[in-house]
Amino acid sequence: MEILGVDIGGSGIKGAIVDTKTGELKTERLRIPTPKPATPEAMAETLKELVTQIGWKGPIACGFPARVVNGVVYTAANIDKSWLETPVEKVFSDAVGQEVFVANDADVAGIAEMHFGAGRAYQRGKAMVITIGTGIGSALFLDGKLYTNSELGHVLLHGDSAERYCADSAREREGLKWKDFGKRFNEYLSHIEFILAPDVFILGGGASKKFDKFKDELTVKAPVIPAESLNLAGIIGAAMYGEIRVKQAKELAKEAKEKDKDEKGSKKKSRKDKE
């Protein structure tokens, strides 16, 4: 199935048409800067612009930097606070003029990495996908199954949210060398390892492209490996999530049709019995 996968980040909104069977991008990745401020209206218009430029009329799915439950946003650490309790799927769908599916950005990146990337070798036990960008995203998998909306970038570290201390934005903001960033990030991984004891850490997001520059500072017991799809995982995973939702919608429509048919049959039988 071909679906337009969109990765919505704090600095850019990126998208491409994806073949969900192979994980390959069927078009060049298009990137549009995230609007400032990143309000629902502004981001919806930017998404509409991206869809228009790509010229896509089929299914659309987005990875979004927040906890998203039943199409509604419940956190806003790296986006405008006006997003809180906003029905993001409805806002995007109304703007684009067709249905848009939305899930947490780290979750969808994890889906892609576990299916097509480094996570293929870790389908048993606990695998933790960590995305390092404007914030820190997390996706926890147990025996290949996703525990949604974990948001472990917000555990406390040095009295504040961990991503304020060791996200890539913190490295840029404080002008840290990669070695110093690596030491900070190792503190974070050590904290997560103590709490959850994953069997592997898979690092994605923009900073994962520089893994060789800070890997020597990582001393946790679990293996730490870079994501194979790097910063394309968000786009690929969003499309895969969209495929899941499309199939679910078809199943629900089929069940509703069968239920309606059964109810009509029951009413017809009841009328005959009365006669």
C-alpha atoms as a PDB file:
ATOM      1  CA  MET A   1       0.000   0.000   0.000  1.00  0.00           C
ATOM      2  CA  GLU A   2       1.231   3.513  -0.777  1.00  0.00           C
ATOM      3  CA  ILE A   3       0.630   6.130   1.913  1.00  0.00           C
ATOM      4  CA  LEU A   4       1.913   9.657   2.451  1.00  0.00           C
ATOM      5  CA  GLY A   5       3.983   9.496   5.636  1.00  0.00           C
ATOM      6  CA  VAL A   6       4.637  12.775   7.438  1.00  0.00           C
ATOM      7  CA  ASP A   7       7.125  13.404  10.252  1.00  0.00           C
ATOM      8  CA  ILE A   8       6.148  16.536  12.193  1.00  0.00           C
ATOM      9  CA  GLY A   9       9.053  17.874  14.229  1.00  0.00           C
ATOM     10  CA  GLY A  10       9.902  20.954  16.211  1.00  0.00           C
ATOM     11  CA  SER A  11      11.966  22.430  13.374  1.00  0.00           C
ATOM     12  CA  GLY A  12      10.602  20.813  10.213  1.00  0.00           C
ATOM     13  CA  ILE A  13       7.613  19.004   8.731  1.00  0.00           C
ATOM     14  CA  LYS A  14       8.866  16.278   6.384  1.00  0.00           C
ATOM     15  CA  GLY A  15       6.946  13.948   4.117  1.00  0.00           C
ATOM     16  CA  ALA A  16       7.137  11.438   1.286  1.00  0.00           C
ATOM     17  CA  ILE A  17       4.991   8.746  -0.293  1.00  0.00           C
ATOM     18  CA  VAL A  18       5.981   5.358   1.159  1.00  0.00           C
ATOM     19  CA  ASP A  19       5.530   1.795  -0.057  1.00  0.00           C
ATOM     20  CA  THR A  20       4.522   0.207   3.259  1.00  0.00           C
ATOM     21  CA  LYS A  21       5.364  -3.290   2.008  1.00  0.00           C
ATOM     22  CA  THR A  22       9.036  -2.488   1.409  1.00  0.00           C
ATOM     23  CA  GLY A  23       9.543   0.650   3.494  1.00  0.00           C
ATOM     24  CA  GLU A  24      10.893   2.460   0.428  1.00  0.00           C
ATOM     25  CA  LEU A  25      10.215   6.109  -0.306  1.00  0.00           C
ATOM     26  CA  LYS A  26       8.471   6.453  -3.662  1.00  0.00           C
ATOM     27  CA  THR A  27       9.135  10.200  -3.858  1.00  0.00           C
ATOM     28  CA  GLU A  28      11.853  12.553  -2.711  1.00  0.00           C
ATOM     29  CA  ARG A  29      11.485  13.707   0.884  1.00  0.00           C
ATOM     30  CA  LEU A  30       9.933  17.175   1.059  1.00  0.00           C
ATOM     31  CA  ARG A  31      10.696  19.394   4.050  1.00  0.00           C
ATOM     32  CA  ILE A  32       8.898  22.575   5.099  1.00  0.00           C
ATOM     33  CA  PRO A  33       9.988  24.529   8.220  1.00  0.00           C
ATOM     34  CA  THR A  34       7.677  24.149  11.200  1.00  0.00           C
ATOM     35  CA  PRO A  35       5.777  27.439  11.633  1.00  0.00           C
ATOM     36  CA  LYS A  36       6.528  29.702  14.587  1.00  0.00           C
ATOM     37  CA  PRO A  37       4.463  29.687  16.706  1.00  0.00           C
ATOM     38  CA  ALA A  38       3.439  26.105  15.981  1.00  0.00           C
ATOM     39  CA  THR A  39      -0.273  26.599  16.638  1.00  0.00           C
ATOM     40  CA  PRO A  40      -2.888  24.107  15.403  1.00  0.00           C
ATOM     41  CA  GLU A  41      -4.017  26.457  12.631  1.00  0.00           C
ATOM     42  CA  ALA A  42      -0.478  27.223  11.443  1.00  0.00           C
ATOM     43  CA  MET A  43       0.653  23.596  11.464  1.00  0.00           C
ATOM     44  CA  ALA A  44      -2.516  22.461   9.689  1.00  0.00           C
ATOM     45  CA  GLU A  45      -1.861  24.980   6.907  1.00  0.00           C
ATOM     46  CA  THR A  46       1.758  23.815   6.614  1.00  0.00           C
ATOM     47  CA  LEU A  47       0.616  20.195   6.342  1.00  0.00           C
ATOM     48  CA  LYS A  48      -1.876  21.241   3.660  1.00  0.00           C
ATOM     49  CA  GLU A  49       0.940  22.974   1.760  1.00  0.00           C
ATOM     50  CA  LEU A  50       3.124  19.853   1.965  1.00  0.00           C
ATOM     51  CA  VAL A  51       0.304  17.612   0.697  1.00  0.00           C
ATOM     52  CA  THR A  52      -0.419  20.062  -2.135  1.00  0.00           C
ATOM     53  CA  GLN A  53       3.239  20.255  -3.207  1.00  0.00           C
ATOM     54  CA  ILE A  54       3.531  16.466  -3.258  1.00  0.00           C
ATOM     55  CA  GLY A  55       0.215  16.249  -5.114  1.00  0.00           C
ATOM     56  CA  TRP A  56      -1.132  13.379  -3.046  1.00  0.00           C
ATOM     57  CA  LYS A  57      -4.778  12.283  -2.893  1.00  0.00           C
ATOM     58  CA  GLY A  58      -4.495   9.009  -0.967  1.00  0.00           C
ATOM     59  CA  PRO A  59      -4.204   8.044   2.730  1.00  0.00           C
ATOM     60  CA  ILE A  60      -2.117  10.320   4.983  1.00  0.00           C
ATOM     61  CA  ALA A  61      -0.570   9.569   8.370  1.00  0.00           C
ATOM     62  CA  CYS A  62       1.594  11.701  10.634  1.00  0.00           C
ATOM     63  CA  GLY A  63       4.017  11.217  13.485  1.00  0.00           C
ATOM     64  CA  PHE A  64       3.404  14.050  15.958  1.00  0.00           C
ATOM     65  CA  PRO A  65       5.681  15.282  18.818  1.00  0.00           C
ATOM     66  CA  ALA A  66       3.192  14.687  21.639  1.00  0.00           C
ATOM     67  CA  ARG A  67       1.151  12.019  23.368  1.00  0.00           C
ATOM     68  CA  VAL A  68      -1.809  11.341  21.050  1.00  0.00           C
ATOM     69  CA  VAL A  69      -4.715   9.243  22.340  1.00  0.00           C
ATOM     70  CA  ASN A  70      -7.773   8.597  20.167  1.00  0.00           C
ATOM     71  CA  GLY A  71      -6.774  11.456  17.891  1.00  0.00           C
ATOM     72  CA  VAL A  72      -6.414  14.018  20.716  1.00  0.00           C
ATOM     73  CA  VAL A  73      -3.185  15.718  21.917  1.00  0.00           C
ATOM     74  CA  TYR A  74      -2.386  15.418  25.632  1.00  0.00           C
ATOM     75  CA  THR A  75       1.158  16.810  25.952  1.00  0.00           C
ATOM     76  CA  ALA A  76       2.869  19.877  24.484  1.00  0.00           C
ATOM     77  CA  ALA A  77       6.503  19.974  25.566  1.00  0.00           C
ATOM     78  CA  ASN A  78       7.960  21.019  22.200  1.00  0.00           C
ATOM     79  CA  ILE A  79       4.904  22.481  20.469  1.00  0.00           C
ATOM     80  CA  ASP A  80       2.570  25.377  21.197  1.00  0.00           C
ATOM     81  CA  LYS A  81       0.554  24.916  24.400  1.00  0.00           C
ATOM     82  CA  SER A  82      -2.646  25.596  22.444  1.00  0.00           C
ATOM     83  CA  TRP A  83      -2.355  22.014  21.172  1.00  0.00           C
ATOM     84  CA  LEU A  84      -3.345  20.583  24.560  1.00  0.00           C
ATOM     85  CA  GLU A  85      -6.601  18.599  24.287  1.00  0.00           C
ATOM     86  CA  THR A  86      -6.879  19.553  20.601  1.00  0.00           C
ATOM     87  CA  PRO A  87      -8.371  16.862  18.301  1.00  0.00           C
ATOM     88  CA  VAL A  88      -5.344  16.804  16.003  1.00  0.00           C
ATOM     89  CA  GLU A  89      -6.763  14.227  13.572  1.00  0.00           C
ATOM     90  CA  LYS A  90      -9.871  16.356  13.024  1.00  0.00           C
ATOM     91  CA  VAL A  91      -7.875  19.587  12.663  1.00  0.00           C
ATOM     92  CA  PHE A  92      -5.549  18.050  10.067  1.00  0.00           C
ATOM     93  CA  SER A  93      -8.313  16.190   8.245  1.00  0.00           C
ATOM     94  CA  ASP A  94     -10.432  19.351   7.962  1.00  0.00           C
ATOM     95  CA  ALA A  95      -7.463  21.348   6.634  1.00  0.00           C
ATOM     96  CA  VAL A  96      -6.396  18.768   4.052  1.00  0.00           C
ATOM     97  CA  GLY A  97      -9.908  17.748   3.030  1.00  0.00           C
ATOM     98  CA  GLN A  98      -9.389  14.030   3.618  1.00  0.00           C
ATOM     99  CA  GLU A  99      -8.786  11.718   6.553  1.00  0.00           C
ATOM    100  CA  VAL A 100      -5.438  12.066   8.330  1.00  0.00           C
ATOM    101  CA  PHE A 101      -4.249   9.568  10.967  1.00  0.00           C
ATOM    102  CA  VAL A 102      -1.919  10.766  13.745  1.00  0.00           C
ATOM    103  CA  ALA A 103       0.225   9.020  16.374  1.00  0.00           C
ATOM    104  CA  ASN A 104       3.189   9.870  18.613  1.00  0.00           C
ATOM    105  CA  ASP A 105       6.298  10.535  16.514  1.00  0.00           C
ATOM    106  CA  ALA A 106       8.662   8.280  18.468  1.00  0.00           C
ATOM    107  CA  ASP A 107       6.135   5.448  18.388  1.00  0.00           C
ATOM    108  CA  VAL A 108       5.853   5.508  14.608  1.00  0.00           C
ATOM    109  CA  ALA A 109       9.635   5.814  14.204  1.00  0.00           C
ATOM    110  CA  GLY A 110       9.940   2.769  16.426  1.00  0.00           C
ATOM    111  CA  ILE A 111       7.423   0.839  14.332  1.00  0.00           C
ATOM    112  CA  ALA A 112       9.562   1.441  11.238  1.00  0.00           C
ATOM    113  CA  GLU A 113      12.822   0.557  12.936  1.00  0.00           C
ATOM    114  CA  MET A 114      11.488  -2.648  14.473  1.00  0.00           C
ATOM    115  CA  HIS A 115      10.018  -3.777  11.152  1.00  0.00           C
ATOM    116  CA  PHE A 116      12.622  -2.678   8.610  1.00  0.00           C
ATOM    117  CA  GLY A 117      15.679  -1.595  10.611  1.00  0.00           C
ATOM    118  CA  ALA A 118      17.953  -2.552  13.479  1.00  0.00           C
ATOM    119  CA  GLY A 119      15.055  -3.781  15.581  1.00  0.00           C
ATOM    120  CA  ARG A 120      14.497  -6.821  13.362  1.00  0.00           C
ATOM    121  CA  ALA A 121      17.070  -8.675  15.447  1.00  0.00           C
ATOM    122  CA  TYR A 122      15.271  -7.839  18.705  1.00  0.00           C
ATOM    123  CA  GLN A 123      11.781  -9.281  18.351  1.00  0.00           C
ATOM    124  CA  ARG A 124      12.114 -11.048  21.711  1.00  0.00           C
ATOM    125  CA  GLY A 125      12.520  -9.224  25.002  1.00  0.00           C
ATOM    126  CA  LYS A 126      12.529  -5.465  25.539  1.00  0.00           C
ATOM    127  CA  ALA A 127      13.747  -3.074  22.848  1.00  0.00           C
ATOM    128  CA  MET A 128      13.867   0.681  23.432  1.00  0.00           C
ATOM    129  CA  VAL A 129      13.928   3.059  20.473  1.00  0.00           C
ATOM    130  CA  ILE A 130      15.110   6.542  21.499  1.00  0.00           C
ATOM    131  CA  THR A 131      14.822   9.482  19.105  1.00  0.00           C
ATOM    132  CA  ILE A 132      17.165  12.423  19.696  1.00  0.00           C
ATOM    133  CA  GLY A 133      16.101  15.723  18.195  1.00  0.00           C
ATOM    134  CA  THR A 134      14.446  18.896  19.475  1.00  0.00           C
ATOM    135  CA  GLY A 135      13.263  16.664  22.317  1.00  0.00           C
ATOM    136  CA  ILE A 136      13.788  13.034  23.275  1.00  0.00           C
ATOM    137  CA  GLY A 137      11.182  10.522  22.154  1.00  0.00           C
ATOM    138  CA  SER A 138      10.843   6.913  23.260  1.00  0.00           C
ATOM    139  CA  ALA A 139       9.155   3.783  21.974  1.00  0.00           C
ATOM    140  CA  LEU A 140       9.198   0.646  24.099  1.00  0.00           C
ATOM    141  CA  PHE A 141       8.632  -2.753  22.501  1.00  0.00           C
ATOM    142  CA  LEU A 142       8.024  -6.006  24.364  1.00  0.00           C
ATOM    143  CA  ASP A 143       8.398  -9.088  22.155  1.00  0.00           C
ATOM    144  CA  GLY A 144       7.936  -6.813  19.149  1.00  0.00           C
ATOM    145  CA  LYS A 145       4.716  -5.231  20.440  1.00  0.00           C
ATOM    146  CA  LEU A 146       4.580  -1.495  21.079  1.00  0.00           C
ATOM    147  CA  TYR A 147       3.715   0.051  24.439  1.00  0.00           C
ATOM    148  CA  THR A 148       2.308   3.352  23.146  1.00  0.00           C
ATOM    149  CA  ASN A 149       2.978   6.910  24.327  1.00  0.00           C
ATOM    150  CA  SER A 150       5.773   6.107  26.788  1.00  0.00           C
ATOM    151  CA  GLU A 151       7.230   9.689  26.709  1.00  0.00           C
ATOM    152  CA  LEU A 152      10.417   8.718  28.583  1.00  0.00           C
ATOM    153  CA  GLY A 153      12.177  11.871  27.433  1.00  0.00           C
ATOM    154  CA  HIS A 154      10.354  13.559  30.307  1.00  0.00           C
ATOM    155  CA  VAL A 155      11.744  11.531  33.204  1.00  0.00           C
ATOM    156  CA  LEU A 156      13.443  13.793  35.748  1.00  0.00           C
ATOM    157  CA  LEU A 157      17.197  14.214  35.433  1.00  0.00           C
ATOM    158  CA  HIS A 158      19.047  16.846  37.456  1.00  0.00           C
ATOM    159  CA  GLY A 159      15.744  18.260  38.616  1.00  0.00           C
ATOM    160  CA  ASP A 160      14.264  18.859  35.180  1.00  0.00           C
ATOM    161  CA  SER A 161      12.891  16.992  32.182  1.00  0.00           C
ATOM    162  CA  ALA A 162      15.711  14.851  30.770  1.00  0.00           C
ATOM    163  CA  GLU A 163      15.348  16.278  27.269  1.00  0.00           C
ATOM    164  CA  ARG A 164      16.232  19.738  28.608  1.00  0.00           C
ATOM    165  CA  TYR A 165      19.587  18.247  29.610  1.00  0.00           C
ATOM    166  CA  CYS A 166      20.504  15.924  26.766  1.00  0.00           C
ATOM    167  CA  ALA A 167      18.331  16.353  23.675  1.00  0.00           C
ATOM    168  CA  ASP A 168      20.094  17.526  20.520  1.00  0.00           C
ATOM    169  CA  SER A 169      18.549  20.951  21.074  1.00  0.00           C
ATOM    170  CA  ALA A 170      20.354  21.111  24.449  1.00  0.00           C
ATOM    171  CA  ARG A 171      23.647  20.295  22.717  1.00  0.00           C
ATOM    172  CA  GLU A 172      23.090  23.092  20.217  1.00  0.00           C
ATOM    173  CA  ARG A 173      21.806  25.562  22.811  1.00  0.00           C
ATOM    174  CA  GLU A 174      24.815  25.075  25.082  1.00  0.00           C
ATOM    175  CA  GLY A 175      27.391  24.592  22.337  1.00  0.00           C
ATOM    176  CA  LEU A 176      28.414  21.163  23.649  1.00  0.00           C
ATOM    177  CA  LYS A 177      31.074  19.099  21.928  1.00  0.00           C
ATOM    178  CA  TRP A 178      29.867  15.644  20.881  1.00  0.00           C
ATOM    179  CA  LYS A 179      32.005  13.998  23.565  1.00  0.00           C
ATOM    180  CA  ASP A 180      30.383  16.111  26.285  1.00  0.00           C
ATOM    181  CA  PHE A 181      26.960  15.490  24.828  1.00  0.00           C
ATOM    182  CA  GLY A 182      27.699  11.758  24.880  1.00  0.00           C
ATOM    183  CA  LYS A 183      28.502  11.874  28.593  1.00  0.00           C
ATOM    184  CA  ARG A 184      25.213  13.597  29.291  1.00  0.00           C
ATOM    185  CA  PHE A 185      23.277  11.192  27.124  1.00  0.00           C
ATOM    186  CA  ASN A 186      24.942   8.267  28.859  1.00  0.00           C
ATOM    187  CA  GLU A 187      23.554   9.559  32.168  1.00  0.00           C
ATOM    188  CA  TYR A 188      20.092   9.470  30.639  1.00  0.00           C
ATOM    189  CA  LEU A 189      20.497   5.952  29.216  1.00  0.00           C
ATOM    190  CA  SER A 190      21.851   4.735  32.564  1.00  0.00           C
ATOM    191  CA  HIS A 191      18.764   6.143  34.289  1.00  0.00           C
ATOM    192  CA  ILE A 192      16.403   4.424  31.821  1.00  0.00           C
ATOM    193  CA  GLU A 193      18.376   1.179  32.035  1.00  0.00           C
ATOM    194  CA  PHE A 194      18.032   1.164  35.825  1.00  0.00           C
ATOM    195  CA  ILE A 195      14.253   1.671  35.561  1.00  0.00           C
ATOM    196  CA  LEU A 196      13.362  -0.639  32.648  1.00  0.00           C
ATOM    197  CA  ALA A 197      16.426  -2.795  31.877  1.00  0.00           C
ATOM    198  CA  PRO A 198      15.883  -3.002  28.099  1.00  0.00           C
ATOM    199  CA  ASP A 199      17.813  -5.555  26.062  1.00  0.00           C
ATOM    200  CA  VAL A 200      18.893  -2.938  23.518  1.00  0.00           C
ATOM    201  CA  PHE A 201      18.815   0.809  22.921  1.00  0.00           C
ATOM    202  CA  ILE A 202      18.258   1.830  19.293  1.00  0.00           C
ATOM    203  CA  LEU A 203      19.035   5.501  18.680  1.00  0.00           C
ATOM    204  CA  GLY A 204      17.187   7.435  15.975  1.00  0.00           C
ATOM    205  CA  GLY A 205      16.383  11.043  15.204  1.00  0.00           C
ATOM    206  CA  GLY A 206      18.678  13.707  13.768  1.00  0.00           C
ATOM    207  CA  ALA A 207      21.522  13.179  16.255  1.00  0.00           C
ATOM    208  CA  SER A 208      21.753   9.483  15.365  1.00  0.00           C
ATOM    209  CA  LYS A 209      23.574  10.490  12.176  1.00  0.00           C
ATOM    210  CA  LYS A 210      26.489  11.561  14.409  1.00  0.00           C
ATOM    211  CA  PHE A 211      26.490   8.365  16.488  1.00  0.00           C
ATOM    212  CA  ASP A 212      30.191   7.717  15.824  1.00  0.00           C
ATOM    213  CA  LYS A 213      31.052  11.042  17.447  1.00  0.00           C
ATOM    214  CA  PHE A 214      29.598  10.164  20.859  1.00  0.00           C
ATOM    215  CA  LYS A 215      29.282   6.352  20.986  1.00  0.00           C
ATOM    216  CA  ASP A 216      32.517   5.917  22.982  1.00  0.00           C
ATOM    217  CA  GLU A 217      30.944   7.776  25.914  1.00  0.00           C
ATOM    218  CA  LEU A 218      28.063   5.295  26.219  1.00  0.00           C
ATOM    219  CA  THR A 219      28.802   2.763  28.950  1.00  0.00           C
ATOM    220  CA  VAL A 220      25.414   1.168  29.704  1.00  0.00           C
ATOM    221  CA  LYS A 221      25.249  -2.635  29.839  1.00  0.00           C
ATOM    222  CA  ALA A 222      22.688  -3.011  27.048  1.00  0.00           C
ATOM    223  CA  PRO A 223      23.926  -2.708  23.458  1.00  0.00           C
ATOM    224  CA  VAL A 224      23.455   0.787  22.000  1.00  0.00           C
ATOM    225  CA  ILE A 225      23.097   0.847  18.211  1.00  0.00           C
ATOM    226  CA  PRO A 226      22.086   3.493  15.654  1.00  0.00           C
ATOM    227  CA  ALA A 227      18.786   3.180  13.845  1.00  0.00           C
ATOM    228  CA  GLU A 228      19.286   1.945  10.295  1.00  0.00           C
ATOM    229  CA  SER A 229      16.659   4.232   8.799  1.00  0.00           C
ATOM    230  CA  LEU A 230      18.018   7.209  10.781  1.00  0.00           C
ATOM    231  CA  ASN A 231      15.810  10.310  10.394  1.00  0.00           C
ATOM    232  CA  LEU A 232      13.624   8.664   7.714  1.00  0.00           C
ATOM    233  CA  ALA A 233      12.070   6.347  10.303  1.00  0.00           C
ATOM    234  CA  GLY A 234       9.448   8.935  11.220  1.00  0.00           C
ATOM    235  CA  ILE A 235       8.149   9.140   7.659  1.00  0.00           C
ATOM    236  CA  ILE A 236       8.246   5.383   7.042  1.00  0.00           C
ATOM    237  CA  GLY A 237       6.698   4.565  10.412  1.00  0.00           C
ATOM    238  CA  ALA A 238       3.921   7.118   9.983  1.00  0.00           C
ATOM    239  CA  ALA A 239       2.955   5.452   6.702  1.00  0.00           C
ATOM    240  CA  MET A 240       2.983   2.033   8.378  1.00  0.00           C
ATOM    241  CA  TYR A 241       0.748   3.352  11.141  1.00  0.00           C
ATOM    242  CA  GLY A 242      -1.553   4.763   8.476  1.00  0.00           C
ATOM    243  CA  GLU A 243      -1.808   1.331   6.881  1.00  0.00           C
ATOM    244  CA  ILE A 244      -2.851  -0.157  10.235  1.00  0.00           C
ATOM    245  CA  ARG A 245      -5.554   2.487  10.632  1.00  0.00           C
ATOM    246  CA  VAL A 246      -6.821   2.060   7.058  1.00  0.00           C
ATOM    247  CA  LYS A 247      -7.178  -1.696   7.605  1.00  0.00           C
ATOM    248  CA  GLN A 248      -8.927  -1.106  10.943  1.00  0.00           C
ATOM    249  CA  ALA A 249     -11.379   1.291   9.278  1.00  0.00           C
ATOM    250  CA  LYS A 250     -12.166  -1.309   6.598  1.00  0.00           C
ATOM    251  CA  GLU A 251     -12.737  -3.990   9.243  1.00  0.00           C
ATOM    252  CA  LEU A 252     -15.053  -1.714  11.228  1.00  0.00           C
ATOM    253  CA  ALA A 253     -17.002  -0.846   8.070  1.00  0.00           C
ATOM    254  CA  LYS A 254     -17.294  -4.559   7.235  1.00  0.00           C
ATOM    255  CA  GLU A 255     -18.502  -5.384  10.762  1.00  0.00           C
ATOM    256  CA  ALA A 256     -21.045  -2.543  10.667  1.00  0.00           C
ATOM    257  CA  LYS A 257     -22.351  -3.757   7.297  1.00  0.00           C
ATOM    258  CA  GLU A 258     -22.699  -7.322   8.575  1.00  0.00           C
ATOM    259  CA  LYS A 259     -24.434  -6.113  11.745  1.00  0.00           C
ATOM    260  CA  ASP A 260     -26.859  -4.027   9.695  1.00  0.00           C
ATOM    261  CA  LYS A 261     -27.550  -7.032   7.468  1.00  0.00           C
ATOM    262  CA  ASP A 262     -28.205  -9.257  10.496  1.00  0.00           C
ATOM    263  CA  GLU A 263     -30.541  -6.682  12.051  1.00  0.00           C
ATOM    264  CA  LYS A 264     -32.534  -6.360   8.825  1.00  0.00           C
ATOM    265  CA  GLY A 265     -32.767 -10.150   8.613  1.00  0.00           C
ATOM    266  CA  SER A 266     -33.996 -10.367  12.199  1.00  0.00           C
ATOM    267  CA  LYS A 267     -36.663  -7.718  11.589  1.00  0.00           C
ATOM    268  CA  LYS A 268     -37.830  -9.502   8.403  1.00  0.00           C
ATOM    269  CA  LYS A 269     -38.061 -12.815  10.275  1.00  0.00           C
ATOM    270  CA  SER A 270     -39.964 -11.148  13.095  1.00  0.00           C
ATOM    271  CA  ARG A 271     -42.518  -9.743  10.679  1.00  0.00           C
ATOM    272  CA  LYS A 272     -43.023 -13.173   9.076  1.00  0.00           C
ATOM    273  CA  ASP A 273     -43.492 -14.794  12.498  1.00  0.00           C
ATOM    274  CA  LYS A 274     -46.210 -12.258  13.376  1.00  0.00           C
ATOM    275  CA  GLU A 275     -48.012 -12.962  10.091  1.00  0.00           C
END
